Amino acid sequence: MRWIETPDSSTIAAIRYDPSRELLDIRFTNDRTYRYFGVPEFVYRALLRADSKGRYFNEIVRDGYEYEELE
């Protein structure tokens, strides 16, 4: 998985996605990184296209999927 930088977001620094395992990794601007499990590809693509990635994350991803913090 390769990171996609998101310089237009004040909350999310970068995103990467593994479609075969439906894993979404999000690195926030505070340098914390979280992995979200069972995320469909359409959610990942919508996040990339969102005008406000932080708002989309808060409304769709944050409480919608299990996650763990990565080191």
C-alpha atoms as a PDB file:
ATOM      1  CA  MET A   1       0.000   0.000   0.000  1.00  0.00           C
ATOM      2  CA  ARG A   2       1.304   3.435  -0.829  1.00  0.00           C
ATOM      3  CA  TRP A   3       0.408   6.612   0.991  1.00  0.00           C
ATOM      4  CA  ILE A   4      -1.602   9.289  -0.792  1.00  0.00           C
ATOM      5  CA  GLU A   5      -0.846  12.690   0.703  1.00  0.00           C
ATOM      6  CA  THR A   6      -3.837  14.957   1.374  1.00  0.00           C
ATOM      7  CA  PRO A   7      -2.428  18.498   1.610  1.00  0.00           C
ATOM      8  CA  ASP A   8      -5.901  20.003   1.195  1.00  0.00           C
ATOM      9  CA  SER A   9      -7.014  18.561   4.561  1.00  0.00           C
ATOM     10  CA  SER A  10      -6.264  20.202   7.896  1.00  0.00           C
ATOM     11  CA  THR A  11      -7.044  16.941   9.733  1.00  0.00           C
ATOM     12  CA  ILE A  12      -5.853  14.058   7.555  1.00  0.00           C
ATOM     13  CA  ALA A  13      -2.242  14.038   6.346  1.00  0.00           C
ATOM     14  CA  ALA A  14      -2.313  10.860   4.229  1.00  0.00           C
ATOM     15  CA  ILE A  15      -4.437   7.851   3.308  1.00  0.00           C
ATOM     16  CA  ARG A  16      -3.642   4.369   2.040  1.00  0.00           C
ATOM     17  CA  TYR A  17      -5.914   1.453   1.193  1.00  0.00           C
ATOM     18  CA  ASP A  18      -5.580  -2.293   0.624  1.00  0.00           C
ATOM     19  CA  PRO A  19      -8.590  -3.403  -1.446  1.00  0.00           C
ATOM     20  CA  SER A  20      -7.894  -7.132  -1.102  1.00  0.00           C
ATOM     21  CA  ARG A  21      -8.156  -6.908   2.695  1.00  0.00           C
ATOM     22  CA  GLU A  22     -10.411  -3.821   2.910  1.00  0.00           C
ATOM     23  CA  LEU A  23      -7.926  -2.019   5.164  1.00  0.00           C
ATOM     24  CA  LEU A  24      -7.922   1.764   5.324  1.00  0.00           C
ATOM     25  CA  ASP A  25      -4.974   3.474   7.029  1.00  0.00           C
ATOM     26  CA  ILE A  26      -5.265   7.137   7.911  1.00  0.00           C
ATOM     27  CA  ARG A  27      -2.362   9.265   9.129  1.00  0.00           C
ATOM     28  CA  PHE A  28      -3.599  12.388  10.851  1.00  0.00           C
ATOM     29  CA  THR A  29      -1.851  15.735  11.029  1.00  0.00           C
ATOM     30  CA  ASN A  30      -0.995  15.008  14.686  1.00  0.00           C
ATOM     31  CA  ASP A  31       1.189  12.104  13.376  1.00  0.00           C
ATOM     32  CA  ARG A  32      -1.088   9.394  14.781  1.00  0.00           C
ATOM     33  CA  THR A  33      -2.014   6.603  12.373  1.00  0.00           C
ATOM     34  CA  TYR A  34      -5.067   4.367  12.574  1.00  0.00           C
ATOM     35  CA  ARG A  35      -6.112   1.274  10.623  1.00  0.00           C
ATOM     36  CA  TYR A  36      -9.803   0.736   9.879  1.00  0.00           C
ATOM     37  CA  PHE A  37     -11.068  -2.768   9.094  1.00  0.00           C
ATOM     38  CA  GLY A  38     -13.715  -3.912   6.616  1.00  0.00           C
ATOM     39  CA  VAL A  39     -13.873  -0.629   4.718  1.00  0.00           C
ATOM     40  CA  PRO A  40     -15.380  -1.059   1.235  1.00  0.00           C
ATOM     41  CA  GLU A  41     -13.486   0.459  -1.664  1.00  0.00           C
ATOM     42  CA  PHE A  42     -16.329   2.883  -2.431  1.00  0.00           C
ATOM     43  CA  VAL A  43     -15.882   4.445   1.027  1.00  0.00           C
ATOM     44  CA  TYR A  44     -12.153   4.888   0.395  1.00  0.00           C
ATOM     45  CA  ARG A  45     -12.782   6.467  -3.012  1.00  0.00           C
ATOM     46  CA  ALA A  46     -15.450   8.777  -1.594  1.00  0.00           C
ATOM     47  CA  LEU A  47     -13.020   9.869   1.134  1.00  0.00           C
ATOM     48  CA  LEU A  48     -10.414  10.755  -1.491  1.00  0.00           C
ATOM     49  CA  ARG A  49     -12.993  12.795  -3.447  1.00  0.00           C
ATOM     50  CA  ALA A  50     -14.588  14.504  -0.448  1.00  0.00           C
ATOM     51  CA  ASP A  51     -14.408  18.294  -0.337  1.00  0.00           C
ATOM     52  CA  SER A  52     -13.871  17.979   3.419  1.00  0.00           C
ATOM     53  CA  LYS A  53     -11.999  14.785   4.219  1.00  0.00           C
ATOM     54  CA  GLY A  54     -12.252  15.464   7.946  1.00  0.00           C
ATOM     55  CA  ARG A  55     -16.033  15.818   7.775  1.00  0.00           C
ATOM     56  CA  TYR A  56     -16.403  12.667   5.665  1.00  0.00           C
ATOM     57  CA  PHE A  57     -14.170  10.778   8.084  1.00  0.00           C
ATOM     58  CA  ASN A  58     -16.204  11.970  11.086  1.00  0.00           C
ATOM     59  CA  GLU A  59     -19.561  11.177   9.482  1.00  0.00           C
ATOM     60  CA  ILE A  60     -18.770   7.860   7.782  1.00  0.00           C
ATOM     61  CA  VAL A  61     -15.528   6.224   8.921  1.00  0.00           C
ATOM     62  CA  ARG A  62     -14.794   7.144  12.539  1.00  0.00           C
ATOM     63  CA  ASP A  63     -17.686   5.332  14.218  1.00  0.00           C
ATOM     64  CA  GLY A  64     -18.547   3.028  11.321  1.00  0.00           C
ATOM     65  CA  TYR A  65     -15.600   0.624  11.408  1.00  0.00           C
ATOM     66  CA  GLU A  66     -13.415  -1.165  13.924  1.00  0.00           C
ATOM     67  CA  TYR A  67      -9.924   0.262  14.166  1.00  0.00           C
ATOM     68  CA  GLU A  68      -6.566   0.103  15.883  1.00  0.00           C
ATOM     69  CA  GLU A  69      -3.791   2.614  16.311  1.00  0.00           C
ATOM     70  CA  LEU A  70      -0.595   1.790  14.421  1.00  0.00           C
ATOM     71  CA  GLU A  71       2.873   2.674  15.644  1.00  0.00           C
END
